[in-house]
């Protein structure tokens, strides 16, 4: 990176730090006076601050598509000049934005959603304690583990996964509470091997397969032989062959669809493989291996395509490499949120 590029990034980082401070609730009048002086010092400073404000606004809009759709009908965003900011300060009140009321309301709504999401992240982590208490085996964020059960079956636990095991005299049963696990089942005709995920039960028919739980969705992918999938309270049942998968969305079970076994099982070996996949999909997978969450600030960026093989044990390095390849930038908003943007 040449000196001009480094200077540009440094300026953008400084501007983003100012914007984060302004919206943190901790900014004092002295901070605002320093900001006014910084913005007035150079047209480049002013341009960087305006760009940082637009990024902050886009971050909020990325959380609320319904707000974003209304945004197009409202007045365009305008950031005040340093002179206007100083005039506001002289009157005893700092007005950081000058925009139409509807835009201000949209922004407040978006920022409220951002705060709610932060609270949700913390709440989800606390609720995850229930899974920990119930489980016999578990992994933390970024951790993977392989275990061999007493019957000889092998299980690989992916990141942030919890499950319990009951090897009874008539049936072998695993309860998956969260995350993703891969099963290579030891033959025992007298005791079927089942994996239960809520209403979904997956019975092995001498096989290797993955079961994943994400929100309310259950994904079953078969790598070898076949499995039987059924849903409690429903007559719907499927038999999946090797190279097929199905999804349960809480209401219905999808028809079998093809799955690339090499790509689907890459995580077993500590890798992620993407073959011309949307950036949003790649980031969602990467997000599972690191604390906090990554927000992509626009639909245009979410649709960018990603191809490559990436290691799971260095998620922040992977994010940095993806951003560099696609000519994007990352900005951290505290310990939990990272923005991915132009």
C-alpha atoms as a PDB file:
ATOM      1  CA  UNK A   1       0.000   0.000   0.000  1.00  0.00           C
ATOM      2  CA  UNK A   2       1.501   3.391  -0.975  1.00  0.00           C
ATOM      3  CA  UNK A   3       1.737   6.399   1.390  1.00  0.00           C
ATOM      4  CA  UNK A   4      -1.336   8.097  -0.075  1.00  0.00           C
ATOM      5  CA  UNK A   5      -3.442   4.960   0.471  1.00  0.00           C
ATOM      6  CA  UNK A   6      -2.217   4.650   4.065  1.00  0.00           C
ATOM      7  CA  UNK A   7      -3.033   8.326   4.658  1.00  0.00           C
ATOM      8  CA  UNK A   8      -6.520   7.871   3.212  1.00  0.00           C
ATOM      9  CA  UNK A   9      -7.227   4.871   5.437  1.00  0.00           C
ATOM     10  CA  UNK A  10      -5.864   6.672   8.501  1.00  0.00           C
ATOM     11  CA  UNK A  11      -8.123   9.647   7.795  1.00  0.00           C
ATOM     12  CA  UNK A  12     -11.148   7.391   7.345  1.00  0.00           C
ATOM     13  CA  UNK A  13     -10.348   5.562  10.606  1.00  0.00           C
ATOM     14  CA  UNK A  14     -10.151   8.884  12.458  1.00  0.00           C
ATOM     15  CA  UNK A  15     -13.453  10.070  10.990  1.00  0.00           C
ATOM     16  CA  UNK A  16     -15.159   6.791  11.887  1.00  0.00           C
ATOM     17  CA  UNK A  17     -13.814   7.086  15.441  1.00  0.00           C
ATOM     18  CA  UNK A  18     -15.417  10.530  15.694  1.00  0.00           C
ATOM     19  CA  UNK A  19     -18.771   9.237  14.438  1.00  0.00           C
ATOM     20  CA  UNK A  20     -18.722   6.298  16.850  1.00  0.00           C
ATOM     21  CA  UNK A  21     -17.973   8.690  19.732  1.00  0.00           C
ATOM     22  CA  UNK A  22     -20.814  11.033  18.717  1.00  0.00           C
ATOM     23  CA  UNK A  23     -23.325   8.183  18.735  1.00  0.00           C
ATOM     24  CA  UNK A  24     -21.991   6.525  21.875  1.00  0.00           C
ATOM     25  CA  UNK A  25     -23.714   8.922  24.255  1.00  0.00           C
ATOM     26  CA  UNK A  26     -20.321   9.806  25.796  1.00  0.00           C
ATOM     27  CA  UNK A  27     -19.448  12.829  23.637  1.00  0.00           C
ATOM     28  CA  UNK A  28     -18.960  16.069  25.572  1.00  0.00           C
ATOM     29  CA  UNK A  29     -19.133  19.675  24.361  1.00  0.00           C
ATOM     30  CA  UNK A  30     -15.347  19.682  24.388  1.00  0.00           C
ATOM     31  CA  UNK A  31     -15.338  16.662  22.049  1.00  0.00           C
ATOM     32  CA  UNK A  32     -17.723  18.452  19.729  1.00  0.00           C
ATOM     33  CA  UNK A  33     -15.553  21.570  19.674  1.00  0.00           C
ATOM     34  CA  UNK A  34     -12.529  19.411  18.826  1.00  0.00           C
ATOM     35  CA  UNK A  35     -14.510  17.755  16.053  1.00  0.00           C
ATOM     36  CA  UNK A  36     -15.576  21.119  14.613  1.00  0.00           C
ATOM     37  CA  UNK A  37     -11.936  22.211  14.532  1.00  0.00           C
ATOM     38  CA  UNK A  38     -10.842  18.914  12.966  1.00  0.00           C
ATOM     39  CA  UNK A  39     -13.478  19.145  10.223  1.00  0.00           C
ATOM     40  CA  UNK A  40     -12.597  22.777   9.486  1.00  0.00           C
ATOM     41  CA  UNK A  41      -8.864  21.994   9.209  1.00  0.00           C
ATOM     42  CA  UNK A  42      -9.091  20.413   5.753  1.00  0.00           C
ATOM     43  CA  UNK A  43     -11.595  19.609   2.986  1.00  0.00           C
ATOM     44  CA  UNK A  44     -10.291  16.045   3.202  1.00  0.00           C
ATOM     45  CA  UNK A  45     -11.278  15.907   6.870  1.00  0.00           C
ATOM     46  CA  UNK A  46     -14.758  17.154   6.047  1.00  0.00           C
ATOM     47  CA  UNK A  47     -15.166  14.644   3.212  1.00  0.00           C
ATOM     48  CA  UNK A  48     -13.991  11.792   5.467  1.00  0.00           C
ATOM     49  CA  UNK A  49     -16.447  12.806   8.180  1.00  0.00           C
ATOM     50  CA  UNK A  50     -19.357  12.921   5.724  1.00  0.00           C
ATOM     51  CA  UNK A  51     -18.390   9.487   4.396  1.00  0.00           C
ATOM     52  CA  UNK A  52     -18.215   8.099   7.940  1.00  0.00           C
ATOM     53  CA  UNK A  53     -21.673   9.503   8.740  1.00  0.00           C
ATOM     54  CA  UNK A  54     -23.082   7.883   5.602  1.00  0.00           C
ATOM     55  CA  UNK A  55     -21.480   4.584   6.631  1.00  0.00           C
ATOM     56  CA  UNK A  56     -23.059   4.838  10.084  1.00  0.00           C
ATOM     57  CA  UNK A  57     -26.437   5.547   8.535  1.00  0.00           C
ATOM     58  CA  UNK A  58     -26.049   2.656   6.068  1.00  0.00           C
ATOM     59  CA  UNK A  59     -25.166   0.357   8.957  1.00  0.00           C
ATOM     60  CA  UNK A  60     -28.489   1.160  10.578  1.00  0.00           C
ATOM     61  CA  UNK A  61     -30.394   0.866   7.315  1.00  0.00           C
ATOM     62  CA  UNK A  62     -28.846  -2.538   6.683  1.00  0.00           C
ATOM     63  CA  UNK A  63     -30.707  -3.706   9.794  1.00  0.00           C
ATOM     64  CA  UNK A  64     -34.062  -2.374   8.644  1.00  0.00           C
ATOM     65  CA  UNK A  65     -34.963  -2.994   4.986  1.00  0.00           C
ATOM     66  CA  UNK A  66     -38.407  -1.533   5.544  1.00  0.00           C
ATOM     67  CA  UNK A  67     -36.793   1.682   6.764  1.00  0.00           C
ATOM     68  CA  UNK A  68     -34.384   1.686   3.840  1.00  0.00           C
ATOM     69  CA  UNK A  69     -37.259   1.445   1.375  1.00  0.00           C
ATOM     70  CA  UNK A  70     -38.834   4.553   2.877  1.00  0.00           C
ATOM     71  CA  UNK A  71     -35.506   6.346   2.837  1.00  0.00           C
ATOM     72  CA  UNK A  72     -35.647   6.726  -0.943  1.00  0.00           C
ATOM     73  CA  UNK A  73     -38.857   8.732  -0.616  1.00  0.00           C
ATOM     74  CA  UNK A  74     -37.406  11.180   1.888  1.00  0.00           C
ATOM     75  CA  UNK A  75     -35.000  14.106   1.560  1.00  0.00           C
ATOM     76  CA  UNK A  76     -31.360  13.259   0.847  1.00  0.00           C
ATOM     77  CA  UNK A  77     -28.972  13.075   3.788  1.00  0.00           C
ATOM     78  CA  UNK A  78     -27.116  16.287   4.496  1.00  0.00           C
ATOM     79  CA  UNK A  79     -24.247  16.708   6.918  1.00  0.00           C
ATOM     80  CA  UNK A  80     -23.748  20.197   8.372  1.00  0.00           C
ATOM     81  CA  UNK A  81     -20.695  22.252   7.603  1.00  0.00           C
ATOM     82  CA  UNK A  82     -18.171  22.899  10.404  1.00  0.00           C
ATOM     83  CA  UNK A  83     -19.384  26.517  10.489  1.00  0.00           C
ATOM     84  CA  UNK A  84     -22.968  25.368  10.987  1.00  0.00           C
ATOM     85  CA  UNK A  85     -21.869  22.985  13.723  1.00  0.00           C
ATOM     86  CA  UNK A  86     -20.015  25.789  15.515  1.00  0.00           C
ATOM     87  CA  UNK A  87     -23.101  28.045  15.311  1.00  0.00           C
ATOM     88  CA  UNK A  88     -25.174  25.302  16.909  1.00  0.00           C
ATOM     89  CA  UNK A  89     -22.605  24.876  19.686  1.00  0.00           C
ATOM     90  CA  UNK A  90     -22.583  28.616  20.409  1.00  0.00           C
ATOM     91  CA  UNK A  91     -26.285  28.355  21.132  1.00  0.00           C
ATOM     92  CA  UNK A  92     -25.632  25.751  23.805  1.00  0.00           C
ATOM     93  CA  UNK A  93     -26.816  22.685  21.866  1.00  0.00           C
ATOM     94  CA  UNK A  94     -24.878  20.483  19.474  1.00  0.00           C
ATOM     95  CA  UNK A  95     -26.907  19.476  16.399  1.00  0.00           C
ATOM     96  CA  UNK A  96     -24.898  16.804  14.604  1.00  0.00           C
ATOM     97  CA  UNK A  97     -27.479  16.228  11.844  1.00  0.00           C
ATOM     98  CA  UNK A  98     -29.435  18.592   9.633  1.00  0.00           C
ATOM     99  CA  UNK A  99     -31.996  16.561   7.711  1.00  0.00           C
ATOM    100  CA  UNK A 100     -35.691  16.225   7.061  1.00  0.00           C
ATOM    101  CA  UNK A 101     -37.702  14.950  10.084  1.00  0.00           C
ATOM    102  CA  UNK A 102     -38.581  11.721   8.298  1.00  0.00           C
ATOM    103  CA  UNK A 103     -34.919  10.915   7.714  1.00  0.00           C
ATOM    104  CA  UNK A 104     -34.113  11.645  11.361  1.00  0.00           C
ATOM    105  CA  UNK A 105     -36.899   9.337  12.478  1.00  0.00           C
ATOM    106  CA  UNK A 106     -35.641   6.611  10.155  1.00  0.00           C
ATOM    107  CA  UNK A 107     -32.142   6.977  11.516  1.00  0.00           C
ATOM    108  CA  UNK A 108     -33.339   6.774  15.122  1.00  0.00           C
ATOM    109  CA  UNK A 109     -35.310   3.656  14.236  1.00  0.00           C
ATOM    110  CA  UNK A 110     -32.271   2.090  12.614  1.00  0.00           C
ATOM    111  CA  UNK A 111     -30.030   2.929  15.569  1.00  0.00           C
ATOM    112  CA  UNK A 112     -32.639   1.522  17.957  1.00  0.00           C
ATOM    113  CA  UNK A 113     -32.588  -1.703  15.954  1.00  0.00           C
ATOM    114  CA  UNK A 114     -28.809  -1.768  16.224  1.00  0.00           C
ATOM    115  CA  UNK A 115     -29.045  -1.428  20.002  1.00  0.00           C
ATOM    116  CA  UNK A 116     -31.664  -4.191  20.118  1.00  0.00           C
ATOM    117  CA  UNK A 117     -29.429  -6.469  18.090  1.00  0.00           C
ATOM    118  CA  UNK A 118     -26.566  -5.886  20.497  1.00  0.00           C
ATOM    119  CA  UNK A 119     -28.852  -6.810  23.372  1.00  0.00           C
ATOM    120  CA  UNK A 120     -29.996  -9.872  21.441  1.00  0.00           C
ATOM    121  CA  UNK A 121     -26.408 -11.043  20.926  1.00  0.00           C
ATOM    122  CA  UNK A 122     -25.819 -10.890  24.669  1.00  0.00           C
ATOM    123  CA  UNK A 123     -29.170 -12.546  25.437  1.00  0.00           C
ATOM    124  CA  UNK A 124     -28.540 -15.400  23.018  1.00  0.00           C
ATOM    125  CA  UNK A 125     -25.198 -16.059  24.647  1.00  0.00           C
ATOM    126  CA  UNK A 126     -26.853 -16.171  28.070  1.00  0.00           C
ATOM    127  CA  UNK A 127     -29.666 -18.425  26.865  1.00  0.00           C
ATOM    128  CA  UNK A 128     -27.028 -20.750  25.453  1.00  0.00           C
ATOM    129  CA  UNK A 129     -26.206 -21.697  29.034  1.00  0.00           C
ATOM    130  CA  UNK A 130     -29.279 -23.950  28.992  1.00  0.00           C
ATOM    131  CA  UNK A 131     -27.740 -25.986  26.187  1.00  0.00           C
ATOM    132  CA  UNK A 132     -24.514 -26.234  28.157  1.00  0.00           C
ATOM    133  CA  UNK A 133     -26.304 -27.573  31.209  1.00  0.00           C
ATOM    134  CA  UNK A 134     -28.226 -30.182  29.204  1.00  0.00           C
ATOM    135  CA  UNK A 135     -25.364 -31.363  27.028  1.00  0.00           C
ATOM    136  CA  UNK A 136     -22.828 -34.147  27.477  1.00  0.00           C
ATOM    137  CA  UNK A 137     -20.484 -32.690  24.855  1.00  0.00           C
ATOM    138  CA  UNK A 138     -20.068 -29.109  23.693  1.00  0.00           C
ATOM    139  CA  UNK A 139     -17.743 -26.708  21.903  1.00  0.00           C
ATOM    140  CA  UNK A 140     -17.255 -22.980  22.280  1.00  0.00           C
ATOM    141  CA  UNK A 141     -17.163 -20.398  19.481  1.00  0.00           C
ATOM    142  CA  UNK A 142     -14.291 -21.199  17.132  1.00  0.00           C
ATOM    143  CA  UNK A 143     -13.689 -24.641  18.659  1.00  0.00           C
ATOM    144  CA  UNK A 144     -14.144 -28.030  16.978  1.00  0.00           C
ATOM    145  CA  UNK A 145     -13.926 -31.421  18.677  1.00  0.00           C
ATOM    146  CA  UNK A 146     -14.003 -35.091  17.672  1.00  0.00           C
ATOM    147  CA  UNK A 147     -15.273 -37.796  20.033  1.00  0.00           C
ATOM    148  CA  UNK A 148     -15.708 -41.555  19.851  1.00  0.00           C
ATOM    149  CA  UNK A 149     -18.825 -42.904  21.558  1.00  0.00           C
ATOM    150  CA  UNK A 150     -18.907 -46.111  23.586  1.00  0.00           C
ATOM    151  CA  UNK A 151     -20.474 -47.984  20.633  1.00  0.00           C
ATOM    152  CA  UNK A 152     -17.608 -46.990  18.322  1.00  0.00           C
ATOM    153  CA  UNK A 153     -19.511 -44.260  16.448  1.00  0.00           C
ATOM    154  CA  UNK A 154     -17.515 -41.096  15.766  1.00  0.00           C
ATOM    155  CA  UNK A 155     -18.893 -37.570  16.122  1.00  0.00           C
ATOM    156  CA  UNK A 156     -17.296 -34.290  15.049  1.00  0.00           C
ATOM    157  CA  UNK A 157     -18.695 -31.216  16.810  1.00  0.00           C
ATOM    158  CA  UNK A 158     -18.451 -27.953  14.907  1.00  0.00           C
ATOM    159  CA  UNK A 159     -18.111 -24.509  16.476  1.00  0.00           C
ATOM    160  CA  UNK A 160     -20.620 -23.537  19.218  1.00  0.00           C
ATOM    161  CA  UNK A 161     -22.277 -26.955  19.315  1.00  0.00           C
ATOM    162  CA  UNK A 162     -23.946 -28.845  22.164  1.00  0.00           C
ATOM    163  CA  UNK A 163     -25.415 -32.356  22.256  1.00  0.00           C
ATOM    164  CA  UNK A 164     -26.255 -35.178  24.617  1.00  0.00           C
ATOM    165  CA  UNK A 165     -25.908 -38.929  24.059  1.00  0.00           C
ATOM    166  CA  UNK A 166     -27.995 -41.864  25.298  1.00  0.00           C
ATOM    167  CA  UNK A 167     -26.884 -45.331  24.234  1.00  0.00           C
ATOM    168  CA  UNK A 168     -29.819 -47.492  25.308  1.00  0.00           C
ATOM    169  CA  UNK A 169     -30.389 -51.203  24.912  1.00  0.00           C
ATOM    170  CA  UNK A 170     -32.848 -50.732  22.037  1.00  0.00           C
ATOM    171  CA  UNK A 171     -31.872 -47.432  20.475  1.00  0.00           C
ATOM    172  CA  UNK A 172     -28.877 -45.115  20.345  1.00  0.00           C
ATOM    173  CA  UNK A 173     -30.046 -41.508  20.501  1.00  0.00           C
ATOM    174  CA  UNK A 174     -28.283 -38.153  20.210  1.00  0.00           C
ATOM    175  CA  UNK A 175     -30.027 -34.857  21.034  1.00  0.00           C
ATOM    176  CA  UNK A 176     -28.546 -31.896  19.137  1.00  0.00           C
ATOM    177  CA  UNK A 177     -29.309 -28.669  21.003  1.00  0.00           C
ATOM    178  CA  UNK A 178     -27.324 -26.209  18.920  1.00  0.00           C
ATOM    179  CA  UNK A 179     -24.720 -25.979  16.180  1.00  0.00           C
ATOM    180  CA  UNK A 180     -23.622 -28.672  13.740  1.00  0.00           C
ATOM    181  CA  UNK A 181     -22.280 -32.203  14.087  1.00  0.00           C
ATOM    182  CA  UNK A 182     -21.095 -34.946  11.767  1.00  0.00           C
ATOM    183  CA  UNK A 183     -21.847 -38.603  12.506  1.00  0.00           C
ATOM    184  CA  UNK A 184     -20.052 -41.718  11.279  1.00  0.00           C
ATOM    185  CA  UNK A 185     -22.160 -44.505  12.723  1.00  0.00           C
ATOM    186  CA  UNK A 186     -20.836 -47.867  13.915  1.00  0.00           C
ATOM    187  CA  UNK A 187     -22.943 -50.789  12.675  1.00  0.00           C
ATOM    188  CA  UNK A 188     -25.327 -52.323  15.244  1.00  0.00           C
ATOM    189  CA  UNK A 189     -28.525 -53.723  13.631  1.00  0.00           C
ATOM    190  CA  UNK A 190     -30.107 -54.363  17.033  1.00  0.00           C
ATOM    191  CA  UNK A 191     -29.857 -50.702  18.095  1.00  0.00           C
ATOM    192  CA  UNK A 192     -30.759 -48.038  15.501  1.00  0.00           C
ATOM    193  CA  UNK A 193     -28.833 -44.764  15.686  1.00  0.00           C
ATOM    194  CA  UNK A 194     -30.937 -41.593  15.727  1.00  0.00           C
ATOM    195  CA  UNK A 195     -30.211 -37.881  15.929  1.00  0.00           C
ATOM    196  CA  UNK A 196     -33.074 -35.731  17.252  1.00  0.00           C
ATOM    197  CA  UNK A 197     -33.246 -31.977  16.601  1.00  0.00           C
ATOM    198  CA  UNK A 198     -36.517 -30.624  17.940  1.00  0.00           C
ATOM    199  CA  UNK A 199     -39.326 -32.186  15.883  1.00  0.00           C
ATOM    200  CA  UNK A 200     -36.906 -33.756  13.382  1.00  0.00           C
ATOM    201  CA  UNK A 201     -35.439 -37.239  13.820  1.00  0.00           C
ATOM    202  CA  UNK A 202     -32.700 -38.564  11.533  1.00  0.00           C
ATOM    203  CA  UNK A 203     -32.159 -42.336  11.570  1.00  0.00           C
ATOM    204  CA  UNK A 204     -28.937 -43.737  10.147  1.00  0.00           C
ATOM    205  CA  UNK A 205     -29.126 -46.552   7.635  1.00  0.00           C
ATOM    206  CA  UNK A 206     -25.453 -47.456   7.946  1.00  0.00           C
ATOM    207  CA  UNK A 207     -24.036 -44.076   7.050  1.00  0.00           C
ATOM    208  CA  UNK A 208     -22.065 -40.828   7.454  1.00  0.00           C
ATOM    209  CA  UNK A 209     -24.032 -37.584   7.587  1.00  0.00           C
ATOM    210  CA  UNK A 210     -24.154 -34.046   8.983  1.00  0.00           C
ATOM    211  CA  UNK A 211     -26.962 -32.436  10.961  1.00  0.00           C
ATOM    212  CA  UNK A 212     -27.042 -28.667  11.546  1.00  0.00           C
ATOM    213  CA  UNK A 213     -29.374 -26.423  13.544  1.00  0.00           C
ATOM    214  CA  UNK A 214     -29.489 -22.714  12.664  1.00  0.00           C
ATOM    215  CA  UNK A 215     -32.303 -20.743  14.267  1.00  0.00           C
ATOM    216  CA  UNK A 216     -35.418 -22.776  13.516  1.00  0.00           C
ATOM    217  CA  UNK A 217     -33.927 -24.465  10.451  1.00  0.00           C
ATOM    218  CA  UNK A 218     -32.572 -28.012  10.464  1.00  0.00           C
ATOM    219  CA  UNK A 219     -30.301 -29.103   7.614  1.00  0.00           C
ATOM    220  CA  UNK A 220     -29.486 -32.786   7.010  1.00  0.00           C
ATOM    221  CA  UNK A 221     -26.713 -33.642   4.509  1.00  0.00           C
ATOM    222  CA  UNK A 222     -25.794 -37.228   3.623  1.00  0.00           C
ATOM    223  CA  UNK A 223     -22.178 -38.004   2.759  1.00  0.00           C
ATOM    224  CA  UNK A 224     -22.315 -41.807   2.529  1.00  0.00           C
ATOM    225  CA  UNK A 225     -25.090 -44.413   2.211  1.00  0.00           C
ATOM    226  CA  UNK A 226     -28.514 -43.073   3.331  1.00  0.00           C
ATOM    227  CA  UNK A 227     -30.673 -41.770   6.187  1.00  0.00           C
ATOM    228  CA  UNK A 228     -34.375 -41.664   6.995  1.00  0.00           C
ATOM    229  CA  UNK A 229     -35.771 -38.281   8.068  1.00  0.00           C
ATOM    230  CA  UNK A 230     -39.118 -37.884   9.777  1.00  0.00           C
ATOM    231  CA  UNK A 231     -40.971 -35.095  11.555  1.00  0.00           C
ATOM    232  CA  UNK A 232     -43.009 -35.738  14.707  1.00  0.00           C
ATOM    233  CA  UNK A 233     -46.729 -35.121  14.283  1.00  0.00           C
ATOM    234  CA  UNK A 234     -46.459 -35.446  10.517  1.00  0.00           C
ATOM    235  CA  UNK A 235     -46.719 -38.296   8.077  1.00  0.00           C
ATOM    236  CA  UNK A 236     -44.023 -36.643   5.979  1.00  0.00           C
ATOM    237  CA  UNK A 237     -40.832 -38.748   5.792  1.00  0.00           C
ATOM    238  CA  UNK A 238     -37.873 -38.881   3.439  1.00  0.00           C
ATOM    239  CA  UNK A 239     -35.050 -41.230   2.621  1.00  0.00           C
ATOM    240  CA  UNK A 240     -31.926 -39.341   1.571  1.00  0.00           C
ATOM    241  CA  UNK A 241     -29.128 -40.949  -0.438  1.00  0.00           C
ATOM    242  CA  UNK A 242     -25.454 -39.952  -0.463  1.00  0.00           C
ATOM    243  CA  UNK A 243     -24.996 -36.525  -2.019  1.00  0.00           C
ATOM    244  CA  UNK A 244     -28.463 -35.294  -0.993  1.00  0.00           C
ATOM    245  CA  UNK A 245     -29.792 -32.977   1.681  1.00  0.00           C
ATOM    246  CA  UNK A 246     -33.092 -31.678   3.027  1.00  0.00           C
ATOM    247  CA  UNK A 247     -34.198 -28.695   5.124  1.00  0.00           C
ATOM    248  CA  UNK A 248     -36.852 -28.394   7.816  1.00  0.00           C
ATOM    249  CA  UNK A 249     -37.940 -24.764   8.238  1.00  0.00           C
ATOM    250  CA  UNK A 250     -40.291 -25.363  11.159  1.00  0.00           C
ATOM    251  CA  UNK A 251     -43.277 -25.919   8.875  1.00  0.00           C
ATOM    252  CA  UNK A 252     -42.289 -28.286   6.082  1.00  0.00           C
ATOM    253  CA  UNK A 253     -39.571 -30.643   4.932  1.00  0.00           C
ATOM    254  CA  UNK A 254     -38.028 -29.776   1.570  1.00  0.00           C
ATOM    255  CA  UNK A 255     -37.639 -32.218  -1.275  1.00  0.00           C
ATOM    256  CA  UNK A 256     -34.173 -33.822  -1.506  1.00  0.00           C
ATOM    257  CA  UNK A 257     -31.665 -31.600  -3.283  1.00  0.00           C
ATOM    258  CA  UNK A 258     -28.080 -32.284  -4.399  1.00  0.00           C
ATOM    259  CA  UNK A 259     -25.179 -31.343  -2.156  1.00  0.00           C
ATOM    260  CA  UNK A 260     -21.473 -31.259  -2.952  1.00  0.00           C
ATOM    261  CA  UNK A 261     -19.999 -33.678  -0.405  1.00  0.00           C
ATOM    262  CA  UNK A 262     -16.501 -32.157  -0.643  1.00  0.00           C
ATOM    263  CA  UNK A 263     -17.774 -28.650   0.055  1.00  0.00           C
ATOM    264  CA  UNK A 264     -20.297 -29.738   2.687  1.00  0.00           C
ATOM    265  CA  UNK A 265     -17.726 -31.721   4.661  1.00  0.00           C
ATOM    266  CA  UNK A 266     -14.838 -29.247   4.351  1.00  0.00           C
ATOM    267  CA  UNK A 267     -15.389 -28.075   7.922  1.00  0.00           C
ATOM    268  CA  UNK A 268     -14.460 -31.573   9.161  1.00  0.00           C
ATOM    269  CA  UNK A 269     -10.891 -30.738   8.109  1.00  0.00           C
ATOM    270  CA  UNK A 270     -10.943 -27.167   9.354  1.00  0.00           C
ATOM    271  CA  UNK A 271     -11.738 -25.494   6.031  1.00  0.00           C
ATOM    272  CA  UNK A 272     -14.458 -23.500   4.298  1.00  0.00           C
ATOM    273  CA  UNK A 273     -14.887 -23.936   0.545  1.00  0.00           C
ATOM    274  CA  UNK A 274     -16.893 -21.435  -1.502  1.00  0.00           C
ATOM    275  CA  UNK A 275     -17.421 -21.837  -5.236  1.00  0.00           C
ATOM    276  CA  UNK A 276     -18.920 -18.622  -6.629  1.00  0.00           C
ATOM    277  CA  UNK A 277     -21.148 -18.092  -3.577  1.00  0.00           C
ATOM    278  CA  UNK A 278     -22.704 -14.762  -2.480  1.00  0.00           C
ATOM    279  CA  UNK A 279     -20.624 -12.782  -0.011  1.00  0.00           C
ATOM    280  CA  UNK A 280     -23.570 -12.788   2.403  1.00  0.00           C
ATOM    281  CA  UNK A 281     -23.503 -16.593   2.498  1.00  0.00           C
ATOM    282  CA  UNK A 282     -19.740 -16.721   3.008  1.00  0.00           C
ATOM    283  CA  UNK A 283     -19.857 -14.154   5.808  1.00  0.00           C
ATOM    284  CA  UNK A 284     -22.723 -15.987   7.541  1.00  0.00           C
ATOM    285  CA  UNK A 285     -20.574 -19.127   7.619  1.00  0.00           C
ATOM    286  CA  UNK A 286     -17.473 -17.241   8.749  1.00  0.00           C
ATOM    287  CA  UNK A 287     -19.448 -15.473  11.474  1.00  0.00           C
ATOM    288  CA  UNK A 288     -20.076 -18.785  13.219  1.00  0.00           C
ATOM    289  CA  UNK A 289     -16.367 -19.149  14.036  1.00  0.00           C
ATOM    290  CA  UNK A 290     -15.768 -15.787  15.683  1.00  0.00           C
ATOM    291  CA  UNK A 291     -17.326 -13.792  18.542  1.00  0.00           C
ATOM    292  CA  UNK A 292     -19.696 -10.958  17.685  1.00  0.00           C
ATOM    293  CA  UNK A 293     -21.230 -10.435  14.273  1.00  0.00           C
ATOM    294  CA  UNK A 294     -20.325  -9.006  10.864  1.00  0.00           C
ATOM    295  CA  UNK A 295     -22.737  -6.618   9.125  1.00  0.00           C
ATOM    296  CA  UNK A 296     -22.555  -6.067   5.374  1.00  0.00           C
ATOM    297  CA  UNK A 297     -23.808  -2.538   4.768  1.00  0.00           C
ATOM    298  CA  UNK A 298     -25.661  -2.909   1.458  1.00  0.00           C
ATOM    299  CA  UNK A 299     -27.515  -5.396  -0.721  1.00  0.00           C
ATOM    300  CA  UNK A 300     -25.038  -4.663  -3.514  1.00  0.00           C
ATOM    301  CA  UNK A 301     -22.140  -5.870  -1.387  1.00  0.00           C
ATOM    302  CA  UNK A 302     -24.049  -8.889  -0.077  1.00  0.00           C
ATOM    303  CA  UNK A 303     -24.465 -10.059  -3.676  1.00  0.00           C
ATOM    304  CA  UNK A 304     -20.725 -10.023  -4.477  1.00  0.00           C
ATOM    305  CA  UNK A 305     -19.321 -13.468  -5.308  1.00  0.00           C
ATOM    306  CA  UNK A 306     -16.704 -15.395  -3.352  1.00  0.00           C
ATOM    307  CA  UNK A 307     -14.562 -18.338  -4.492  1.00  0.00           C
ATOM    308  CA  UNK A 308     -11.807 -19.919  -2.464  1.00  0.00           C
ATOM    309  CA  UNK A 309     -10.653 -22.277   0.265  1.00  0.00           C
ATOM    310  CA  UNK A 310     -10.246 -20.681   3.713  1.00  0.00           C
ATOM    311  CA  UNK A 311      -9.004 -21.952   7.107  1.00  0.00           C
ATOM    312  CA  UNK A 312     -11.472 -21.993   9.979  1.00  0.00           C
ATOM    313  CA  UNK A 313      -8.924 -21.381  12.708  1.00  0.00           C
ATOM    314  CA  UNK A 314      -8.136 -17.800  11.564  1.00  0.00           C
ATOM    315  CA  UNK A 315     -11.537 -16.185  10.915  1.00  0.00           C
ATOM    316  CA  UNK A 316     -10.324 -12.598  11.340  1.00  0.00           C
ATOM    317  CA  UNK A 317      -7.534 -13.185   8.835  1.00  0.00           C
ATOM    318  CA  UNK A 318     -10.055 -14.717   6.426  1.00  0.00           C
ATOM    319  CA  UNK A 319     -12.297 -11.657   6.809  1.00  0.00           C
ATOM    320  CA  UNK A 320      -9.331  -9.373   6.126  1.00  0.00           C
ATOM    321  CA  UNK A 321      -8.353 -11.368   3.022  1.00  0.00           C
ATOM    322  CA  UNK A 322     -11.934 -11.419   1.675  1.00  0.00           C
ATOM    323  CA  UNK A 323     -12.225  -7.667   2.202  1.00  0.00           C
ATOM    324  CA  UNK A 324      -8.899  -7.008   0.445  1.00  0.00           C
ATOM    325  CA  UNK A 325      -9.799  -9.219  -2.524  1.00  0.00           C
ATOM    326  CA  UNK A 326     -13.166  -7.506  -2.974  1.00  0.00           C
ATOM    327  CA  UNK A 327     -11.703  -4.043  -2.259  1.00  0.00           C
ATOM    328  CA  UNK A 328     -13.841  -3.597   0.846  1.00  0.00           C
ATOM    329  CA  UNK A 329     -13.065  -2.195   4.266  1.00  0.00           C
ATOM    330  CA  UNK A 330     -13.819  -3.390   7.791  1.00  0.00           C
ATOM    331  CA  UNK A 331     -14.709  -1.151  10.724  1.00  0.00           C
ATOM    332  CA  UNK A 332     -15.152  -2.388  14.297  1.00  0.00           C
ATOM    333  CA  UNK A 333     -17.922  -0.866  16.387  1.00  0.00           C
ATOM    334  CA  UNK A 334     -16.938  -2.045  19.838  1.00  0.00           C
ATOM    335  CA  UNK A 335     -16.145  -5.704  20.615  1.00  0.00           C
ATOM    336  CA  UNK A 336     -19.282  -7.221  19.052  1.00  0.00           C
ATOM    337  CA  UNK A 337     -19.922  -5.593  15.670  1.00  0.00           C
ATOM    338  CA  UNK A 338     -17.737  -5.388  12.563  1.00  0.00           C
ATOM    339  CA  UNK A 339     -18.950  -3.501   9.493  1.00  0.00           C
ATOM    340  CA  UNK A 340     -17.981  -4.657   6.000  1.00  0.00           C
ATOM    341  CA  UNK A 341     -18.274  -1.758   3.565  1.00  0.00           C
ATOM    342  CA  UNK A 342     -16.753   0.198   0.690  1.00  0.00           C
END
